[in-house]
Amino acid sequence: TIQIQARASDVAVNQNADVLINRAQAFTDFSQSSEVQAAVDFVQPELDVQKSTTFTTGDAGDIATYTITIRHTAASSANAYNMVLGDLLAPGLQLVAGSATTDFGSISTAGGKITLTAPAYTL
């Protein structure tokens, strides 16, 4: 018995609903076995990202609150792994220290860029 593990590559040819087929065959000096195969349905998440604010006009020193929402679309067929979301504040805006929060993953901030990283975002 031989057991192997293979990771599906994140490349353009692998698309949601594709079937990836792995084939195997044994050979000797005098013969060969019939080919056997195993199929795997390739699935990938489809995420919808929205950014909103109720702050439409303001003055210098006013604080605007932005909300970024990430959801699986109805067509999403898999958990999202190793997710990274970046948000770059527009020139003229400064992040209020300690104001970036999340209910999953972790947030880092540097130079006006807010980055969310999450090991998994489930369906």
N, C-alpha and C. Protein backbone atom coordinates (compact mmCIF):
# COMPACT_ATOMS: atom_id res chain seq x y z
N THR A 1 0.85 -1.18 0.00
CA THR A 1 0.00 0.00 0.00
C THR A 1 0.88 1.23 0.00
N ILE A 2 0.55 2.18 -0.83
CA ILE A 2 1.23 3.46 -0.87
C ILE A 2 0.19 4.53 -0.57
N GLN A 3 0.52 5.42 0.32
CA GLN A 3 -0.38 6.53 0.64
C GLN A 3 0.35 7.82 0.32
N ILE A 4 -0.31 8.72 -0.40
CA ILE A 4 0.29 10.01 -0.71
C ILE A 4 -0.70 11.12 -0.37
N GLN A 5 -0.17 12.29 -0.20
CA GLN A 5 -1.00 13.47 -0.01
C GLN A 5 -0.62 14.46 -1.09
N ALA A 6 -1.61 15.12 -1.67
CA ALA A 6 -1.36 16.12 -2.70
C ALA A 6 -2.21 17.35 -2.39
N ARG A 7 -1.62 18.50 -2.57
CA ARG A 7 -2.33 19.75 -2.33
C ARG A 7 -2.74 20.35 -3.68
N ALA A 8 -4.00 20.73 -3.79
CA ALA A 8 -4.48 21.37 -5.00
C ALA A 8 -3.83 22.75 -5.11
N SER A 9 -3.26 23.03 -6.26
CA SER A 9 -2.56 24.30 -6.47
C SER A 9 -3.53 25.44 -6.70
N ASP A 10 -3.15 26.61 -6.21
CA ASP A 10 -3.93 27.82 -6.42
C ASP A 10 -3.47 28.46 -7.73
N VAL A 11 -3.93 27.89 -8.84
CA VAL A 11 -3.55 28.36 -10.17
C VAL A 11 -4.82 28.56 -10.99
N ALA A 12 -4.70 29.36 -12.03
CA ALA A 12 -5.87 29.74 -12.83
C ALA A 12 -6.61 28.55 -13.42
N VAL A 13 -5.91 27.46 -13.74
CA VAL A 13 -6.58 26.31 -14.36
C VAL A 13 -7.46 25.55 -13.37
N ASN A 14 -7.24 25.71 -12.08
CA ASN A 14 -8.09 25.06 -11.07
C ASN A 14 -9.23 26.01 -10.72
N GLN A 15 -10.41 25.69 -11.17
CA GLN A 15 -11.58 26.53 -10.94
C GLN A 15 -12.63 25.77 -10.15
N ASN A 16 -13.49 26.53 -9.47
CA ASN A 16 -14.56 25.94 -8.70
C ASN A 16 -15.36 24.97 -9.57
N ALA A 17 -15.65 23.81 -9.03
CA ALA A 17 -16.44 22.74 -9.67
C ALA A 17 -15.62 21.90 -10.65
N ASP A 18 -14.34 22.20 -10.84
CA ASP A 18 -13.49 21.32 -11.66
C ASP A 18 -13.33 19.98 -10.95
N VAL A 19 -13.12 18.95 -11.72
CA VAL A 19 -12.82 17.63 -11.16
C VAL A 19 -11.36 17.33 -11.48
N LEU A 20 -10.56 17.14 -10.43
CA LEU A 20 -9.15 16.82 -10.60
C LEU A 20 -9.00 15.30 -10.51
N ILE A 21 -8.37 14.71 -11.50
CA ILE A 21 -8.24 13.26 -11.56
C ILE A 21 -6.77 12.87 -11.40
N ASN A 22 -6.52 11.99 -10.46
CA ASN A 22 -5.18 11.45 -10.22
C ASN A 22 -5.17 10.01 -10.72
N ARG A 23 -4.18 9.69 -11.53
CA ARG A 23 -4.11 8.36 -12.13
C ARG A 23 -2.86 7.63 -11.63
N ALA A 24 -2.96 6.31 -11.55
CA ALA A 24 -1.82 5.48 -11.15
C ALA A 24 -1.82 4.20 -11.99
N GLN A 25 -0.61 3.69 -12.20
CA GLN A 25 -0.47 2.45 -12.96
C GLN A 25 0.86 1.82 -12.54
N ALA A 26 0.87 0.51 -12.43
CA ALA A 26 2.09 -0.23 -12.06
C ALA A 26 2.73 -0.82 -13.31
N PHE A 27 4.07 -0.79 -13.38
CA PHE A 27 4.82 -1.34 -14.50
C PHE A 27 5.89 -2.30 -13.98
N THR A 28 6.14 -3.36 -14.74
CA THR A 28 7.27 -4.24 -14.47
C THR A 28 8.05 -4.37 -15.78
N ASP A 29 9.10 -5.16 -15.77
CA ASP A 29 9.87 -5.36 -17.01
C ASP A 29 9.02 -6.03 -18.09
N PHE A 30 8.01 -6.82 -17.68
CA PHE A 30 7.27 -7.62 -18.66
C PHE A 30 5.78 -7.31 -18.73
N SER A 31 5.28 -6.44 -17.86
CA SER A 31 3.82 -6.20 -17.88
C SER A 31 3.50 -4.83 -17.28
N GLN A 32 2.24 -4.54 -17.39
CA GLN A 32 1.74 -3.33 -16.74
C GLN A 32 0.32 -3.57 -16.28
N SER A 33 -0.05 -2.89 -15.21
CA SER A 33 -1.41 -3.03 -14.69
C SER A 33 -2.33 -2.11 -15.46
N SER A 34 -3.60 -2.30 -15.26
CA SER A 34 -4.54 -1.34 -15.83
C SER A 34 -4.44 -0.05 -15.00
N GLU A 35 -4.83 1.03 -15.63
CA GLU A 35 -4.77 2.33 -14.96
C GLU A 35 -5.95 2.47 -14.00
N VAL A 36 -5.68 3.00 -12.83
CA VAL A 36 -6.73 3.29 -11.86
C VAL A 36 -6.73 4.79 -11.61
N GLN A 37 -7.85 5.29 -11.15
CA GLN A 37 -7.92 6.73 -10.92
C GLN A 37 -8.83 7.07 -9.76
N ALA A 38 -8.60 8.23 -9.21
CA ALA A 38 -9.45 8.78 -8.15
C ALA A 38 -9.71 10.24 -8.48
N ALA A 39 -10.95 10.65 -8.32
CA ALA A 39 -11.34 12.02 -8.67
C ALA A 39 -11.65 12.82 -7.41
N VAL A 40 -11.32 14.09 -7.48
CA VAL A 40 -11.61 15.02 -6.38
C VAL A 40 -12.28 16.24 -6.98
N ASP A 41 -13.41 16.63 -6.40
CA ASP A 41 -14.07 17.87 -6.83
C ASP A 41 -13.31 19.05 -6.25
N PHE A 42 -12.87 19.96 -7.12
CA PHE A 42 -12.14 21.15 -6.68
C PHE A 42 -13.18 22.19 -6.26
N VAL A 43 -13.07 22.66 -5.04
CA VAL A 43 -13.99 23.68 -4.54
C VAL A 43 -13.18 24.86 -4.04
N GLN A 44 -13.78 26.02 -4.08
CA GLN A 44 -13.10 27.20 -3.57
C GLN A 44 -14.14 28.18 -3.04
N PRO A 45 -13.73 28.99 -2.09
CA PRO A 45 -14.66 29.96 -1.54
C PRO A 45 -14.90 31.10 -2.52
N GLU A 46 -16.08 31.67 -2.43
CA GLU A 46 -16.38 32.92 -3.14
C GLU A 46 -16.84 33.89 -2.07
N LEU A 47 -16.05 34.93 -1.87
CA LEU A 47 -16.32 35.87 -0.80
C LEU A 47 -16.80 37.20 -1.36
N ASP A 48 -17.67 37.83 -0.61
CA ASP A 48 -18.17 39.16 -0.92
C ASP A 48 -17.64 40.10 0.16
N VAL A 49 -16.97 41.16 -0.25
CA VAL A 49 -16.42 42.14 0.69
C VAL A 49 -17.12 43.47 0.45
N GLN A 50 -17.65 44.04 1.51
CA GLN A 50 -18.34 45.33 1.45
C GLN A 50 -17.71 46.27 2.46
N LYS A 51 -17.62 47.54 2.11
CA LYS A 51 -17.11 48.57 3.03
C LYS A 51 -18.14 49.68 3.07
N SER A 52 -18.48 50.11 4.29
CA SER A 52 -19.52 51.15 4.42
C SER A 52 -19.16 52.11 5.55
N THR A 53 -19.80 53.25 5.53
CA THR A 53 -19.72 54.23 6.60
C THR A 53 -21.01 55.04 6.61
N THR A 54 -21.39 55.50 7.77
CA THR A 54 -22.56 56.39 7.86
C THR A 54 -22.10 57.84 7.87
N PHE A 55 -20.80 58.06 7.85
CA PHE A 55 -20.19 59.38 7.89
C PHE A 55 -20.07 59.90 6.46
N THR A 56 -20.84 60.91 6.11
CA THR A 56 -20.81 61.40 4.73
C THR A 56 -20.17 62.77 4.60
N THR A 57 -20.24 63.59 5.61
CA THR A 57 -19.57 64.89 5.60
C THR A 57 -18.95 65.11 6.97
N GLY A 58 -17.91 65.90 7.00
CA GLY A 58 -17.26 66.12 8.29
C GLY A 58 -16.26 67.25 8.21
N ASP A 59 -15.69 67.53 9.34
CA ASP A 59 -14.71 68.59 9.50
C ASP A 59 -13.41 67.98 10.01
N ALA A 60 -12.35 68.75 9.91
CA ALA A 60 -11.06 68.28 10.45
C ALA A 60 -11.23 67.90 11.91
N GLY A 61 -10.70 66.76 12.29
CA GLY A 61 -10.79 66.27 13.66
C GLY A 61 -11.97 65.34 13.91
N ASP A 62 -12.96 65.33 13.01
CA ASP A 62 -14.09 64.42 13.17
C ASP A 62 -13.61 62.98 12.95
N ILE A 63 -14.30 62.06 13.58
CA ILE A 63 -13.94 60.65 13.45
C ILE A 63 -15.01 59.93 12.63
N ALA A 64 -14.56 59.25 11.58
CA ALA A 64 -15.44 58.44 10.75
C ALA A 64 -15.23 56.98 11.12
N THR A 65 -16.31 56.24 11.22
CA THR A 65 -16.23 54.81 11.48
C THR A 65 -16.57 54.06 10.20
N TYR A 66 -15.68 53.16 9.81
CA TYR A 66 -15.88 52.33 8.63
C TYR A 66 -16.12 50.90 9.07
N THR A 67 -16.98 50.21 8.35
CA THR A 67 -17.24 48.80 8.62
C THR A 67 -16.97 48.01 7.36
N ILE A 68 -16.14 46.98 7.49
CA ILE A 68 -15.86 46.07 6.38
C ILE A 68 -16.50 44.74 6.74
N THR A 69 -17.35 44.26 5.84
CA THR A 69 -18.06 43.00 6.05
C THR A 69 -17.60 41.98 5.02
N ILE A 70 -17.25 40.80 5.50
CA ILE A 70 -16.84 39.70 4.62
C ILE A 70 -17.84 38.58 4.81
N ARG A 71 -18.38 38.09 3.69
CA ARG A 71 -19.35 36.99 3.74
C ARG A 71 -19.08 36.03 2.59
N HIS A 72 -19.47 34.79 2.81
CA HIS A 72 -19.49 33.83 1.70
C HIS A 72 -20.71 34.16 0.83
N THR A 73 -20.54 34.11 -0.49
CA THR A 73 -21.68 34.27 -1.37
C THR A 73 -22.50 32.99 -1.37
N ALA A 74 -23.68 33.03 -1.95
CA ALA A 74 -24.52 31.83 -2.05
C ALA A 74 -23.83 30.75 -2.88
N ALA A 75 -22.96 31.15 -3.82
CA ALA A 75 -22.27 30.19 -4.68
C ALA A 75 -21.01 29.62 -4.04
N SER A 76 -20.61 30.14 -2.90
CA SER A 76 -19.39 29.67 -2.24
C SER A 76 -19.55 28.21 -1.82
N SER A 77 -18.52 27.41 -2.09
CA SER A 77 -18.65 25.98 -1.82
C SER A 77 -17.56 25.44 -0.89
N ALA A 78 -16.79 26.34 -0.28
CA ALA A 78 -15.70 25.86 0.57
C ALA A 78 -15.30 26.91 1.59
N ASN A 79 -14.69 26.45 2.65
CA ASN A 79 -14.11 27.37 3.63
C ASN A 79 -12.97 28.14 2.97
N ALA A 80 -12.71 29.34 3.45
CA ALA A 80 -11.57 30.13 2.98
C ALA A 80 -10.43 29.93 3.97
N TYR A 81 -9.26 29.56 3.47
CA TYR A 81 -8.10 29.33 4.33
C TYR A 81 -7.02 30.36 4.03
N ASN A 82 -6.26 30.69 5.06
CA ASN A 82 -5.15 31.64 4.93
C ASN A 82 -5.60 32.96 4.30
N MET A 83 -6.71 33.48 4.79
CA MET A 83 -7.31 34.68 4.24
C MET A 83 -6.55 35.93 4.70
N VAL A 84 -6.32 36.84 3.78
CA VAL A 84 -5.70 38.13 4.09
C VAL A 84 -6.52 39.21 3.41
N LEU A 85 -6.93 40.20 4.19
CA LEU A 85 -7.67 41.34 3.65
C LEU A 85 -6.90 42.59 4.01
N GLY A 86 -6.65 43.44 3.03
CA GLY A 86 -5.93 44.69 3.27
C GLY A 86 -6.82 45.88 3.00
N ASP A 87 -6.69 46.90 3.83
CA ASP A 87 -7.44 48.14 3.65
C ASP A 87 -6.46 49.29 3.83
N LEU A 88 -6.33 50.11 2.82
CA LEU A 88 -5.42 51.24 2.85
C LEU A 88 -6.24 52.51 3.03
N LEU A 89 -5.97 53.23 4.11
CA LEU A 89 -6.70 54.46 4.36
C LEU A 89 -6.34 55.51 3.31
N ALA A 90 -7.33 56.29 2.91
CA ALA A 90 -7.12 57.34 1.92
C ALA A 90 -6.20 58.42 2.49
N PRO A 91 -5.45 59.11 1.62
CA PRO A 91 -4.63 60.22 2.10
C PRO A 91 -5.50 61.22 2.86
N GLY A 92 -4.98 61.74 3.95
CA GLY A 92 -5.74 62.69 4.76
C GLY A 92 -6.46 62.04 5.92
N LEU A 93 -6.50 60.71 5.95
CA LEU A 93 -7.09 59.99 7.08
C LEU A 93 -5.99 59.34 7.90
N GLN A 94 -6.16 59.35 9.21
CA GLN A 94 -5.23 58.68 10.11
C GLN A 94 -6.01 57.72 10.98
N LEU A 95 -5.48 56.53 11.14
CA LEU A 95 -6.12 55.52 11.97
C LEU A 95 -6.11 55.96 13.42
N VAL A 96 -7.26 55.87 14.07
CA VAL A 96 -7.34 56.15 15.50
C VAL A 96 -6.76 54.93 16.21
N ALA A 97 -5.71 55.15 17.00
CA ALA A 97 -5.01 54.06 17.67
C ALA A 97 -5.98 53.18 18.46
N GLY A 98 -5.87 51.86 18.27
CA GLY A 98 -6.68 50.89 19.00
C GLY A 98 -8.09 50.73 18.50
N SER A 99 -8.44 51.41 17.41
CA SER A 99 -9.84 51.37 16.95
C SER A 99 -10.13 50.21 16.00
N ALA A 100 -9.11 49.59 15.43
CA ALA A 100 -9.32 48.48 14.50
C ALA A 100 -9.59 47.20 15.30
N THR A 101 -10.78 46.64 15.13
CA THR A 101 -11.17 45.43 15.85
C THR A 101 -11.78 44.43 14.88
N THR A 102 -11.81 43.18 15.29
CA THR A 102 -12.42 42.13 14.48
C THR A 102 -13.00 41.06 15.39
N ASP A 103 -13.97 40.31 14.87
CA ASP A 103 -14.52 39.20 15.64
C ASP A 103 -13.92 37.85 15.21
N PHE A 104 -12.95 37.88 14.28
CA PHE A 104 -12.21 36.67 13.92
C PHE A 104 -10.87 37.08 13.33
N GLY A 105 -9.90 36.21 13.41
CA GLY A 105 -8.58 36.51 12.86
C GLY A 105 -7.84 37.51 13.71
N SER A 106 -6.82 38.12 13.13
CA SER A 106 -6.04 39.14 13.84
C SER A 106 -5.79 40.32 12.92
N ILE A 107 -5.60 41.48 13.53
CA ILE A 107 -5.41 42.72 12.78
C ILE A 107 -4.02 43.27 13.08
N SER A 108 -3.37 43.76 12.03
CA SER A 108 -2.13 44.51 12.20
C SER A 108 -2.29 45.83 11.46
N THR A 109 -1.60 46.85 11.94
CA THR A 109 -1.67 48.16 11.31
C THR A 109 -0.25 48.70 11.13
N ALA A 110 -0.02 49.32 9.99
CA ALA A 110 1.28 49.95 9.73
C ALA A 110 1.12 50.92 8.56
N GLY A 111 1.54 52.15 8.77
CA GLY A 111 1.58 53.13 7.68
C GLY A 111 0.25 53.37 7.00
N GLY A 112 -0.84 53.37 7.74
CA GLY A 112 -2.15 53.61 7.14
C GLY A 112 -2.77 52.39 6.49
N LYS A 113 -2.11 51.24 6.60
CA LYS A 113 -2.67 50.01 6.04
C LYS A 113 -3.11 49.12 7.19
N ILE A 114 -4.34 48.64 7.10
CA ILE A 114 -4.90 47.73 8.08
C ILE A 114 -4.97 46.36 7.40
N THR A 115 -4.45 45.34 8.06
CA THR A 115 -4.42 43.99 7.48
C THR A 115 -5.09 43.01 8.43
N LEU A 116 -6.08 42.30 7.93
CA LEU A 116 -6.72 41.22 8.66
C LEU A 116 -6.17 39.92 8.14
N THR A 117 -5.75 39.04 9.03
CA THR A 117 -5.34 37.69 8.62
C THR A 117 -6.14 36.70 9.44
N ALA A 118 -6.60 35.66 8.79
CA ALA A 118 -7.39 34.62 9.45
C ALA A 118 -6.99 33.27 8.89
N PRO A 119 -6.71 32.29 9.76
CA PRO A 119 -6.33 30.98 9.26
C PRO A 119 -7.48 30.27 8.54
N ALA A 120 -8.72 30.56 8.94
CA ALA A 120 -9.87 29.93 8.28
C ALA A 120 -11.10 30.79 8.48
N TYR A 121 -11.92 30.86 7.43
CA TYR A 121 -13.23 31.51 7.51
C TYR A 121 -14.22 30.50 6.97
N THR A 122 -15.02 29.92 7.87
CA THR A 122 -15.87 28.79 7.50
C THR A 122 -17.17 29.25 6.84
N LEU A 123 -17.77 28.32 6.12
CA LEU A 123 -19.06 28.58 5.47
C LEU A 123 -20.13 28.85 6.51
